[in-house]
């Protein structure tokens, strides 16, 4: 049954309608055929009720004709009367041949058999009478006629009685047949009404299974036409063309939604890109200004520093020469990388120069240790990231502390991220200040902090990293486990610069 239902559901709408029409026609044809045969059989039984009475009437008429032609021939002795006698006599014999000749328990059957036997005797007697008349044997044909007359009277009475008895039986049978006929008519009408009702219900079911999904599809299409793109077409499982249309419409609306969403995302991405570009330019300019507060011509500065380095070398002041060269390299990197990206190698070299300059200024008070995996030095990153972190560690970590201050730079890979850690053993940092810096809500409180860029430089670095890599997990600040000192960690993803969503080159 389930297989039949599945096959029906897979049919097209056209075949469903044709199948429904054929089923309705077949049912009506079968019911009409059954009713026709029942009615025809009942009517045939009704027609046969009085056929036996008609046969007995014909038998009585045949007997009467035989007796009449016998009398006419005896009176006139005409050849015409003799011919008619023989014709009627043969007809009567034929009618008698159809009568019952077997012994049965029914009284009518016994009477019918008796009439058949006496009729044969009667016909034999009439034949003898005709032969005696033709032989001019007057006494003999008179005697034969008298006997045949008696037999005729008896046969006539017997036929009338049999006819009456059979008529009474047929009357009773006719009443039952009429009742049966009425029942058949009522049953036929009931069956026709039932079939018509079932057919109507079936047609309603079929039309509803076809039109209901179409109405639902039309409603969804109307909502979409009004601009409601959140509407989905109903999942139709009729298996016909409606299911194909519903699936196609759902694919179409999904494609439209995806297209609209893609346009929206591209628009937001472009707006974000422009915004990030502007902010990163501002942040970079702010970082650059911290190193170029004086409006000095870079070429003049580099030429002057190189001239000083050559003069110190000629005078034999090697330390002074090395100091001036480191200063020149440090400032050259900062000026050259304005608006450009750098590699991790370049950033570390700039930090090396910066630490050297500080140690010359502060008489080697700053310890500096590097642990760098060489294979990671070519990783690209924004410029001027590590130097502000080192500067912050010096100014707010180890400067002014008792004892020997040290800074450690670690570079290592962790999964798909390059980690750059700057650790110091200085005064440390409070949790509140960490939250303020990470949430970009740190405010400088005094001139010392304002002059040194306390917090602001790190906020600038964090902002640039987030926009550059378009992700949040790029920077952390932690207190050391020992209780003194701070560790700043920069997480650089392993991605080519051209693939960054936020824009690879800050000057784009």
Protein backbone atom coordinates (compact mmCIF):
# COMPACT_ATOMS: atom_id res chain seq x y z
CA UNK A 1 0.00 0.00 0.00
CA UNK A 2 2.85 2.36 0.89
CA UNK A 3 4.53 1.64 -2.45
CA UNK A 4 1.28 2.47 -4.26
CA UNK A 5 1.01 5.76 -2.34
CA UNK A 6 4.64 6.61 -3.16
CA UNK A 7 4.10 5.86 -6.85
CA UNK A 8 0.99 8.02 -6.82
CA UNK A 9 2.84 10.90 -5.17
CA UNK A 10 5.59 10.72 -7.78
CA UNK A 11 3.07 11.11 -10.59
CA UNK A 12 2.75 14.41 -12.38
CA UNK A 13 -0.34 16.56 -11.88
CA UNK A 14 -1.60 15.60 -15.33
CA UNK A 15 -1.44 11.86 -14.60
CA UNK A 16 -3.00 12.37 -11.18
CA UNK A 17 -6.02 14.09 -12.74
CA UNK A 18 -6.30 11.46 -15.49
CA UNK A 19 -6.04 8.64 -12.93
CA UNK A 20 -8.72 10.25 -10.74
CA UNK A 21 -11.06 10.64 -13.72
CA UNK A 22 -10.51 7.04 -14.83
CA UNK A 23 -11.09 5.69 -11.32
CA UNK A 24 -14.34 7.63 -11.03
CA UNK A 25 -15.51 6.37 -14.44
CA UNK A 26 -14.55 2.76 -13.63
CA UNK A 27 -16.40 2.84 -10.31
CA UNK A 28 -19.52 4.30 -11.91
CA UNK A 29 -19.34 1.76 -14.74
CA UNK A 30 -19.00 -1.16 -12.32
CA UNK A 31 -21.89 -0.01 -10.14
CA UNK A 32 -24.09 0.62 -13.17
CA UNK A 33 -23.19 -2.81 -14.52
CA UNK A 34 -24.04 -4.52 -11.23
CA UNK A 35 -27.31 -2.62 -10.94
CA UNK A 36 -28.18 -3.37 -14.57
CA UNK A 37 -27.62 -7.11 -14.21
CA UNK A 38 -29.57 -7.25 -10.94
CA UNK A 39 -32.47 -5.34 -12.40
CA UNK A 40 -32.41 -7.35 -15.61
CA UNK A 41 -32.43 -10.62 -13.68
CA UNK A 42 -35.29 -9.45 -11.46
CA UNK A 43 -37.31 -8.20 -14.44
CA UNK A 44 -36.65 -11.49 -16.22
CA UNK A 45 -37.99 -13.38 -13.21
CA UNK A 46 -41.05 -11.12 -13.19
CA UNK A 47 -41.57 -11.73 -16.90
CA UNK A 48 -41.29 -15.49 -16.39
CA UNK A 49 -43.89 -15.47 -13.61
CA UNK A 50 -46.85 -15.52 -15.92
CA UNK A 51 -45.23 -17.35 -18.86
CA UNK A 52 -46.61 -20.66 -17.51
CA UNK A 53 -50.16 -19.15 -17.49
CA UNK A 54 -49.65 -18.01 -21.06
CA UNK A 55 -48.59 -21.53 -22.08
CA UNK A 56 -51.65 -23.04 -20.34
CA UNK A 57 -53.87 -20.53 -22.14
CA UNK A 58 -52.29 -21.51 -25.42
CA UNK A 59 -52.83 -25.16 -24.47
CA UNK A 60 -56.53 -24.47 -23.73
CA UNK A 61 -56.93 -22.60 -27.03
CA UNK A 62 -55.23 -25.44 -28.92
CA UNK A 63 -57.58 -27.96 -27.26
CA UNK A 64 -60.56 -25.81 -28.21
CA UNK A 65 -59.41 -25.56 -31.85
CA UNK A 66 -58.90 -29.32 -32.09
CA UNK A 67 -62.41 -29.94 -30.72
CA UNK A 68 -64.00 -27.32 -32.97
CA UNK A 69 -62.34 -28.55 -36.19
CA UNK A 70 -63.29 -32.12 -35.21
CA UNK A 71 -66.92 -31.08 -34.87
CA UNK A 72 -66.84 -29.14 -38.19
CA UNK A 73 -65.40 -32.08 -40.07
CA UNK A 74 -67.96 -34.46 -38.62
CA UNK A 75 -70.74 -32.09 -39.63
CA UNK A 76 -69.51 -31.03 -43.09
CA UNK A 77 -66.87 -33.59 -44.00
CA UNK A 78 -65.04 -30.82 -45.83
CA UNK A 79 -61.40 -31.18 -46.75
CA UNK A 80 -60.64 -27.70 -45.35
CA UNK A 81 -61.93 -28.66 -41.93
CA UNK A 82 -59.88 -31.87 -42.08
CA UNK A 83 -56.73 -29.95 -42.96
CA UNK A 84 -57.30 -27.50 -40.10
CA UNK A 85 -57.85 -30.39 -37.73
CA UNK A 86 -54.52 -31.99 -38.59
CA UNK A 87 -52.74 -28.63 -38.18
CA UNK A 88 -54.34 -27.92 -34.79
CA UNK A 89 -53.91 -31.49 -33.68
CA UNK A 90 -50.12 -31.26 -34.37
CA UNK A 91 -49.89 -27.92 -32.61
CA UNK A 92 -51.65 -29.35 -29.59
CA UNK A 93 -49.31 -32.34 -29.53
CA UNK A 94 -46.35 -29.98 -29.58
CA UNK A 95 -47.80 -27.99 -26.66
CA UNK A 96 -48.42 -31.19 -24.73
CA UNK A 97 -44.81 -32.26 -25.28
CA UNK A 98 -43.71 -29.30 -23.09
CA UNK A 99 -45.83 -30.47 -20.16
CA UNK A 100 -44.33 -32.27 -17.20
CA UNK A 101 -44.16 -36.04 -17.71
CA UNK A 102 -42.26 -37.00 -14.54
CA UNK A 103 -43.70 -38.07 -11.20
CA UNK A 104 -42.94 -35.41 -8.57
CA UNK A 105 -44.43 -34.46 -5.22
CA UNK A 106 -46.01 -31.17 -6.36
CA UNK A 107 -49.80 -31.26 -6.93
CA UNK A 108 -49.54 -28.93 -9.90
CA UNK A 109 -46.86 -31.13 -11.44
CA UNK A 110 -49.02 -34.22 -10.97
CA UNK A 111 -51.98 -32.43 -12.49
CA UNK A 112 -49.79 -31.32 -15.38
CA UNK A 113 -48.63 -34.91 -15.95
CA UNK A 114 -52.24 -36.10 -15.86
CA UNK A 115 -53.25 -33.51 -18.44
CA UNK A 116 -50.36 -34.64 -20.65
CA UNK A 117 -51.42 -38.30 -20.48
CA UNK A 118 -55.15 -37.61 -20.99
CA UNK A 119 -54.30 -35.27 -23.88
CA UNK A 120 -52.53 -38.11 -25.63
CA UNK A 121 -55.56 -40.33 -25.04
CA UNK A 122 -57.86 -37.56 -26.28
CA UNK A 123 -55.87 -37.05 -29.48
CA UNK A 124 -55.79 -40.76 -30.15
CA UNK A 125 -59.57 -40.87 -29.75
CA UNK A 126 -60.12 -37.89 -32.09
CA UNK A 127 -57.93 -39.55 -34.70
CA UNK A 128 -60.04 -42.72 -34.48
CA UNK A 129 -63.19 -40.65 -34.82
CA UNK A 130 -61.83 -38.92 -37.96
CA UNK A 131 -60.88 -42.29 -39.45
CA UNK A 132 -64.36 -43.68 -38.70
CA UNK A 133 -65.96 -40.64 -40.34
CA UNK A 134 -63.86 -41.06 -43.42
CA UNK A 135 -64.78 -44.75 -43.48
CA UNK A 136 -68.50 -43.86 -43.19
CA UNK A 137 -68.79 -45.89 -40.00
CA UNK A 138 -71.51 -43.79 -38.41
CA UNK A 139 -71.92 -45.65 -35.14
CA UNK A 140 -68.25 -45.77 -34.56
CA UNK A 141 -67.48 -42.05 -35.17
CA UNK A 142 -70.54 -41.06 -33.09
CA UNK A 143 -69.29 -43.17 -30.23
CA UNK A 144 -65.74 -41.78 -30.70
CA UNK A 145 -66.99 -38.20 -30.74
CA UNK A 146 -68.96 -38.77 -27.52
CA UNK A 147 -65.89 -40.14 -25.76
CA UNK A 148 -63.66 -37.39 -27.12
CA UNK A 149 -66.23 -34.85 -25.92
CA UNK A 150 -66.01 -36.25 -22.41
CA UNK A 151 -62.22 -36.19 -22.54
CA UNK A 152 -62.35 -32.65 -23.88
CA UNK A 153 -64.55 -31.52 -21.00
CA UNK A 154 -62.23 -33.15 -18.50
CA UNK A 155 -59.12 -31.70 -20.10
CA UNK A 156 -60.67 -28.27 -20.27
CA UNK A 157 -61.59 -28.37 -16.59
CA UNK A 158 -58.14 -29.71 -15.64
CA UNK A 159 -56.33 -27.06 -17.67
CA UNK A 160 -58.49 -24.34 -16.10
CA UNK A 161 -57.79 -25.67 -12.62
CA UNK A 162 -54.04 -25.96 -13.31
CA UNK A 163 -54.05 -22.46 -14.76
CA UNK A 164 -55.82 -21.14 -11.66
CA UNK A 165 -53.44 -22.88 -9.26
CA UNK A 166 -50.35 -21.69 -11.09
CA UNK A 167 -51.77 -18.18 -11.29
CA UNK A 168 -52.19 -18.09 -7.54
CA UNK A 169 -48.63 -19.31 -7.05
CA UNK A 170 -47.28 -16.82 -9.57
CA UNK A 171 -49.19 -14.01 -7.88
CA UNK A 172 -47.46 -14.74 -4.61
CA UNK A 173 -44.11 -15.05 -6.36
CA UNK A 174 -44.78 -11.84 -8.26
CA UNK A 175 -45.28 -9.91 -4.98
CA UNK A 176 -41.97 -11.15 -3.62
CA UNK A 177 -40.29 -10.30 -6.93
CA UNK A 178 -41.77 -6.81 -6.85
CA UNK A 179 -40.45 -6.39 -3.32
CA UNK A 180 -37.08 -7.66 -4.47
CA UNK A 181 -37.17 -5.27 -7.41
CA UNK A 182 -37.90 -2.36 -5.09
CA UNK A 183 -35.02 -3.43 -2.85
CA UNK A 184 -32.70 -3.66 -5.84
CA UNK A 185 -33.76 -0.20 -6.97
CA UNK A 186 -33.18 1.23 -3.49
CA UNK A 187 -29.81 -0.54 -3.27
CA UNK A 188 -28.84 0.73 -6.70
CA UNK A 189 -29.73 4.31 -5.77
CA UNK A 190 -27.82 3.96 -2.48
CA UNK A 191 -24.76 2.55 -4.25
CA UNK A 192 -24.87 5.31 -6.84
CA UNK A 193 -25.12 7.94 -4.11
CA UNK A 194 -22.25 6.28 -2.24
CA UNK A 195 -20.07 6.12 -5.33
CA UNK A 196 -20.89 9.71 -6.22
CA UNK A 197 -20.02 10.79 -2.66
CA UNK A 198 -16.76 8.82 -2.66
CA UNK A 199 -15.91 10.21 -6.09
CA UNK A 200 -16.59 13.76 -4.95
CA UNK A 201 -14.47 13.28 -1.82
CA UNK A 202 -11.68 11.74 -3.86
CA UNK A 203 -11.78 14.59 -6.36
CA UNK A 204 -11.74 17.12 -3.50
CA UNK A 205 -8.77 15.31 -1.95
CA UNK A 206 -6.85 15.23 -5.23
CA UNK A 207 -7.61 18.85 -6.09
CA UNK A 208 -6.74 19.94 -2.54
CA UNK A 209 -3.42 18.06 -2.67
CA UNK A 210 -2.66 19.93 -5.90
CA UNK A 211 -4.03 23.40 -5.10
CA UNK A 212 -3.05 23.69 -1.41
CA UNK A 213 0.73 23.65 -2.08
CA UNK A 214 0.19 26.07 -4.96
CA UNK A 215 -1.75 28.42 -2.66
CA UNK A 216 1.04 28.23 -0.06
CA UNK A 217 3.66 28.90 -2.73
CA UNK A 218 1.64 31.84 -4.01
CA UNK A 219 1.37 33.26 -0.48
CA UNK A 220 5.13 32.97 0.07
CA UNK A 221 5.82 34.53 -3.33
CA UNK A 222 3.46 37.41 -2.49
CA UNK A 223 5.31 38.06 0.80
CA UNK A 224 8.65 38.04 -1.02
CA UNK A 225 7.23 40.42 -3.63
CA UNK A 226 6.39 42.79 -0.74
CA UNK A 227 10.05 42.74 0.32
CA UNK A 228 9.89 40.21 3.15
CA UNK A 229 13.03 38.18 2.38
CA UNK A 230 12.77 36.19 5.64
CA UNK A 231 9.93 34.11 4.20
CA UNK A 232 10.80 30.64 2.93
CA UNK A 233 8.80 28.63 0.47
CA UNK A 234 7.03 25.67 2.11
CA UNK A 235 8.60 22.23 1.83
CA UNK A 236 6.17 20.49 -0.52
CA UNK A 237 6.45 16.68 -0.66
CA UNK A 238 3.80 15.88 -3.27
CA UNK A 239 6.41 14.41 -5.61
CA UNK A 240 5.00 16.18 -8.66
CA UNK A 241 5.81 19.43 -10.46
CA UNK A 242 4.82 21.43 -7.36
CA UNK A 243 7.71 19.92 -5.40
CA UNK A 244 10.13 20.83 -8.20
CA UNK A 245 8.81 24.41 -8.26
CA UNK A 246 9.06 24.71 -4.45
CA UNK A 247 12.67 23.43 -4.42
CA UNK A 248 13.63 25.75 -7.26
CA UNK A 249 11.99 28.73 -5.50
CA UNK A 250 13.80 27.91 -2.24
CA UNK A 251 17.13 27.71 -4.05
CA UNK A 252 16.36 30.99 -5.77
CA UNK A 253 15.44 32.82 -2.55
CA UNK A 254 18.51 31.35 -0.81
CA UNK A 255 20.68 32.64 -3.64
CA UNK A 256 19.05 36.06 -3.39
CA UNK A 257 19.54 36.14 0.40
CA UNK A 258 23.18 35.06 0.02
CA UNK A 259 23.71 37.69 -2.65
CA UNK A 260 22.16 40.42 -0.48
CA UNK A 261 24.17 39.25 2.52
CA UNK A 262 27.33 39.20 0.45
CA UNK A 263 26.66 42.74 -0.77
CA UNK A 264 26.03 43.85 2.82
CA UNK A 265 29.20 42.14 4.08
CA UNK A 266 31.26 43.63 1.24
CA UNK A 267 29.85 47.07 1.96
CA UNK A 268 30.57 46.76 5.69
CA UNK A 269 34.01 45.35 4.93
CA UNK A 270 34.80 48.21 2.60
CA UNK A 271 33.55 50.75 5.14
CA UNK A 272 35.56 49.03 7.86
CA UNK A 273 38.60 48.95 5.59
CA UNK A 274 38.36 52.67 4.92
CA UNK A 275 37.83 53.37 8.60
CA UNK A 276 40.74 51.15 9.62
CA UNK A 277 42.92 52.73 6.98
CA UNK A 278 42.23 56.20 8.32
CA UNK A 279 42.69 55.17 11.94
CA UNK A 280 45.90 53.28 11.18
CA UNK A 281 47.28 56.29 9.33
CA UNK A 282 46.46 58.48 12.29
CA UNK A 283 47.98 55.97 14.74
CA UNK A 284 51.08 55.62 12.61
CA UNK A 285 51.49 59.35 12.31
CA UNK A 286 51.12 59.64 16.07
CA UNK A 287 53.81 56.99 16.57
CA UNK A 288 56.08 58.66 14.06
CA UNK A 289 55.66 62.07 15.66
CA UNK A 290 56.84 60.65 18.97
CA UNK A 291 60.21 60.03 17.32
CA UNK A 292 60.28 63.10 15.10
CA UNK A 293 59.14 65.90 17.37
CA UNK A 294 61.71 68.28 15.92
CA UNK A 295 61.17 69.38 12.31
CA UNK A 296 64.66 68.33 11.18
CA UNK A 297 65.39 67.40 7.61
CA UNK A 298 66.08 63.61 7.74
CA UNK A 299 68.82 63.77 5.11
CA UNK A 300 70.57 66.58 6.95
CA UNK A 301 70.32 64.58 10.20
CA UNK A 302 71.70 61.37 8.66
CA UNK A 303 74.50 63.24 6.89
CA UNK A 304 75.41 65.02 10.09
CA UNK A 305 75.42 61.76 12.11
CA UNK A 306 77.54 60.04 9.44
CA UNK A 307 80.00 62.96 9.44
CA UNK A 308 80.21 62.69 13.24
CA UNK A 309 80.80 58.94 13.03
CA UNK A 310 83.64 59.45 10.47
CA UNK A 311 85.19 62.17 12.62
CA UNK A 312 85.09 59.94 15.71
CA UNK A 313 86.67 57.09 13.77
CA UNK A 314 89.48 59.33 12.52
CA UNK A 315 90.13 60.49 16.08
CA UNK A 316 90.15 56.87 17.27
CA UNK A 317 86.93 57.10 19.35
CA UNK A 318 85.49 53.72 18.43
CA UNK A 319 82.72 53.72 21.03
CA UNK A 320 81.59 57.17 19.96
CA UNK A 321 81.62 56.03 16.32
CA UNK A 322 79.55 52.93 17.16
CA UNK A 323 77.10 55.02 19.18
CA UNK A 324 76.61 57.49 16.37
CA UNK A 325 76.17 54.67 13.81
CA UNK A 326 73.48 53.01 15.98
CA UNK A 327 71.72 56.36 16.35
CA UNK A 328 71.84 56.85 12.58
CA UNK A 329 70.48 53.35 11.93
CA UNK A 330 67.73 53.82 14.52
CA UNK A 331 66.52 57.14 13.12
CA UNK A 332 66.97 55.96 9.54
CA UNK A 333 64.66 52.95 10.22
CA UNK A 334 62.00 55.13 11.80
CA UNK A 335 62.07 57.65 8.97
CA UNK A 336 62.31 55.04 6.19
CA UNK A 337 59.43 52.93 7.56
CA UNK A 338 56.96 55.79 7.69
CA UNK A 339 53.80 54.34 6.11
CA UNK A 340 55.45 51.01 5.29
CA UNK A 341 55.31 47.53 6.77
CA UNK A 342 58.37 45.76 8.13
CA UNK A 343 59.71 42.31 8.85
CA UNK A 344 60.28 40.92 12.31
CA UNK A 345 64.04 41.04 11.58
CA UNK A 346 63.91 44.79 10.94
CA UNK A 347 61.86 45.42 14.05
CA UNK A 348 64.33 43.47 16.21
CA UNK A 349 67.32 45.31 14.66
CA UNK A 350 65.64 48.62 15.50
CA UNK A 351 65.14 47.40 19.08
CA UNK A 352 68.81 46.38 19.24
CA UNK A 353 69.87 49.88 18.20
CA UNK A 354 67.45 51.45 20.64
CA UNK A 355 68.75 49.33 23.58
CA UNK A 356 72.35 50.20 22.62
CA UNK A 357 71.58 53.92 22.62
CA UNK A 358 69.85 53.65 26.01
CA UNK A 359 72.77 51.76 27.53
CA UNK A 360 75.18 54.43 26.31
CA UNK A 361 72.97 57.06 27.91
CA UNK A 362 72.49 55.18 31.19
CA UNK A 363 75.91 53.52 31.52
CA UNK A 364 74.82 49.96 30.71
CA UNK A 365 72.14 49.87 33.37
CA UNK A 366 69.79 47.85 31.14
CA UNK A 367 70.35 44.15 30.65
CA UNK A 368 69.12 42.83 27.31
CA UNK A 369 68.71 39.19 26.26
CA UNK A 370 67.29 37.76 23.01
CA UNK A 371 65.98 34.27 22.32
CA UNK A 372 64.87 34.29 18.69
CA UNK A 373 64.02 31.44 16.28
CA UNK A 374 65.82 32.52 13.12
CA UNK A 375 63.29 30.92 10.77
CA UNK A 376 60.65 33.40 11.95
CA UNK A 377 62.60 36.59 11.19
CA UNK A 378 61.05 37.07 7.74
CA UNK A 379 57.50 37.22 9.08
CA UNK A 380 55.93 40.53 8.06
CA UNK A 381 54.24 42.88 10.51
CA UNK A 382 53.38 46.57 10.99
CA UNK A 383 56.38 48.83 11.59
CA UNK A 384 57.17 50.60 14.90
CA UNK A 385 55.53 47.96 17.10
CA UNK A 386 58.32 46.56 19.27
CA UNK A 387 60.20 49.80 20.03
CA UNK A 388 57.22 51.43 21.89
CA UNK A 389 56.88 48.23 23.94
CA UNK A 390 60.62 48.30 24.85
CA UNK A 391 60.40 52.00 25.63
CA UNK A 392 57.43 51.41 27.92
CA UNK A 393 59.30 48.58 29.71
CA UNK A 394 62.33 50.86 30.26
CA UNK A 395 60.46 53.99 31.35
CA UNK A 396 57.82 52.34 33.56
CA UNK A 397 59.44 49.07 34.48
CA UNK A 398 63.15 49.14 35.19
CA UNK A 399 64.07 52.84 35.30
CA UNK A 400 64.43 54.05 38.84
CA UNK A 401 64.39 50.55 40.29
CA UNK A 402 67.01 49.37 42.76
CA UNK A 403 69.24 46.70 41.40
CA UNK A 404 69.96 45.54 37.87
CA UNK A 405 67.15 45.94 35.36
CA UNK A 406 66.85 43.52 32.49
CA UNK A 407 64.68 43.06 29.42
CA UNK A 408 64.18 39.74 27.64
CA UNK A 409 62.95 39.39 24.04
CA UNK A 410 61.58 35.94 23.09
CA UNK A 411 60.40 35.01 19.57
CA UNK A 412 58.87 31.57 19.04
CA UNK A 413 56.13 29.80 17.08
CA UNK A 414 52.97 28.52 18.73
CA UNK A 415 50.63 26.78 16.30
CA UNK A 416 49.88 29.16 13.45
CA UNK A 417 50.99 32.21 15.46
CA UNK A 418 54.40 33.85 15.98
CA UNK A 419 54.69 35.01 19.59
CA UNK A 420 56.92 37.98 20.45
CA UNK A 421 57.34 38.40 24.22
CA UNK A 422 58.97 41.37 25.94
CA UNK A 423 59.58 40.74 29.65
CA UNK A 424 61.13 42.98 32.29
CA UNK A 425 61.93 42.58 35.98
CA UNK A 426 60.79 46.04 36.90
CA UNK A 427 58.11 47.55 39.12
CA UNK A 428 55.25 45.69 37.45
CA UNK A 429 51.78 46.92 36.60
CA UNK A 430 48.39 46.89 38.31
CA UNK A 431 45.38 44.93 37.08
CA UNK A 432 43.40 48.13 36.78
CA UNK A 433 45.97 49.73 34.51
CA UNK A 434 46.11 46.56 32.36
CA UNK A 435 42.32 46.70 31.91
CA UNK A 436 42.44 50.41 31.05
CA UNK A 437 45.17 49.92 28.43
CA UNK A 438 43.56 46.82 26.86
CA UNK A 439 40.14 48.48 26.76
CA UNK A 440 41.58 51.72 25.29
CA UNK A 441 40.38 53.90 28.14
CA UNK A 442 43.68 54.83 29.80
CA UNK A 443 44.05 58.54 30.62
CA UNK A 444 47.44 60.14 31.50
CA UNK A 445 47.38 61.59 34.99
CA UNK A 446 50.53 63.72 35.21
CA UNK A 447 53.20 65.37 33.09
CA UNK A 448 55.63 62.51 33.64
CA UNK A 449 53.23 59.98 32.16
CA UNK A 450 52.28 62.36 29.35
CA UNK A 451 55.89 62.93 28.43
CA UNK A 452 56.78 59.29 28.42
CA UNK A 453 53.72 58.05 26.60
CA UNK A 454 52.70 55.79 29.45
CA UNK A 455 49.81 53.58 28.27
CA UNK A 456 49.04 55.70 25.23
CA UNK A 457 51.85 54.18 23.18
CA UNK A 458 50.67 50.67 24.01
CA UNK A 459 47.06 51.57 23.19
CA UNK A 460 48.29 52.84 19.83
CA UNK A 461 50.19 49.57 19.23
CA UNK A 462 47.18 47.46 20.21
CA UNK A 463 44.84 49.44 17.97
CA UNK A 464 47.17 49.15 14.96
CA UNK A 465 47.69 45.40 15.44
CA UNK A 466 43.96 44.70 15.73
CA UNK A 467 43.18 46.67 12.60
CA UNK A 468 46.13 45.26 10.70
CA UNK A 469 45.22 41.61 11.36
CA UNK A 470 41.47 42.18 11.78
CA UNK A 471 41.33 40.10 14.95
CA UNK A 472 41.23 40.76 18.70
CA UNK A 473 43.70 38.19 20.08
CA UNK A 474 46.93 39.95 19.01
CA UNK A 475 48.19 41.53 22.26
CA UNK A 476 48.32 40.67 25.97
CA UNK A 477 49.79 42.26 29.12
CA UNK A 478 50.49 40.08 32.13
CA UNK A 479 52.17 40.41 35.49
CA UNK A 480 55.06 38.02 35.97
CA UNK A 481 54.53 35.00 38.18
CA UNK A 482 57.41 36.11 40.45
CA UNK A 483 55.42 39.20 41.45
CA UNK A 484 57.78 41.74 39.88
CA UNK A 485 57.98 42.77 36.27
CA UNK A 486 55.64 42.65 33.31
CA UNK A 487 55.35 40.51 30.19
CA UNK A 488 53.88 41.91 26.97
CA UNK A 489 53.06 39.42 24.25
CA UNK A 490 52.38 40.17 20.56
CA UNK A 491 50.69 37.36 18.52
CA UNK A 492 51.42 37.57 14.79
CA UNK A 493 49.36 35.21 12.54
CA UNK A 494 51.18 33.23 9.86
CA UNK A 495 49.54 34.99 6.89
CA UNK A 496 50.94 36.84 3.86
CA UNK A 497 50.49 40.58 4.12
CA UNK A 498 48.37 40.69 0.94
CA UNK A 499 45.69 38.47 2.49
CA UNK A 500 44.85 40.65 5.50
CA UNK A 501 41.23 41.74 5.43
CA UNK A 502 42.06 45.04 7.04
CA UNK A 503 44.52 45.89 4.26
CA UNK A 504 48.10 44.77 3.94
CA UNK A 505 49.90 48.06 3.34
CA UNK A 506 49.02 50.85 5.67
CA UNK A 507 49.50 53.33 2.84
CA UNK A 508 46.88 51.59 0.63
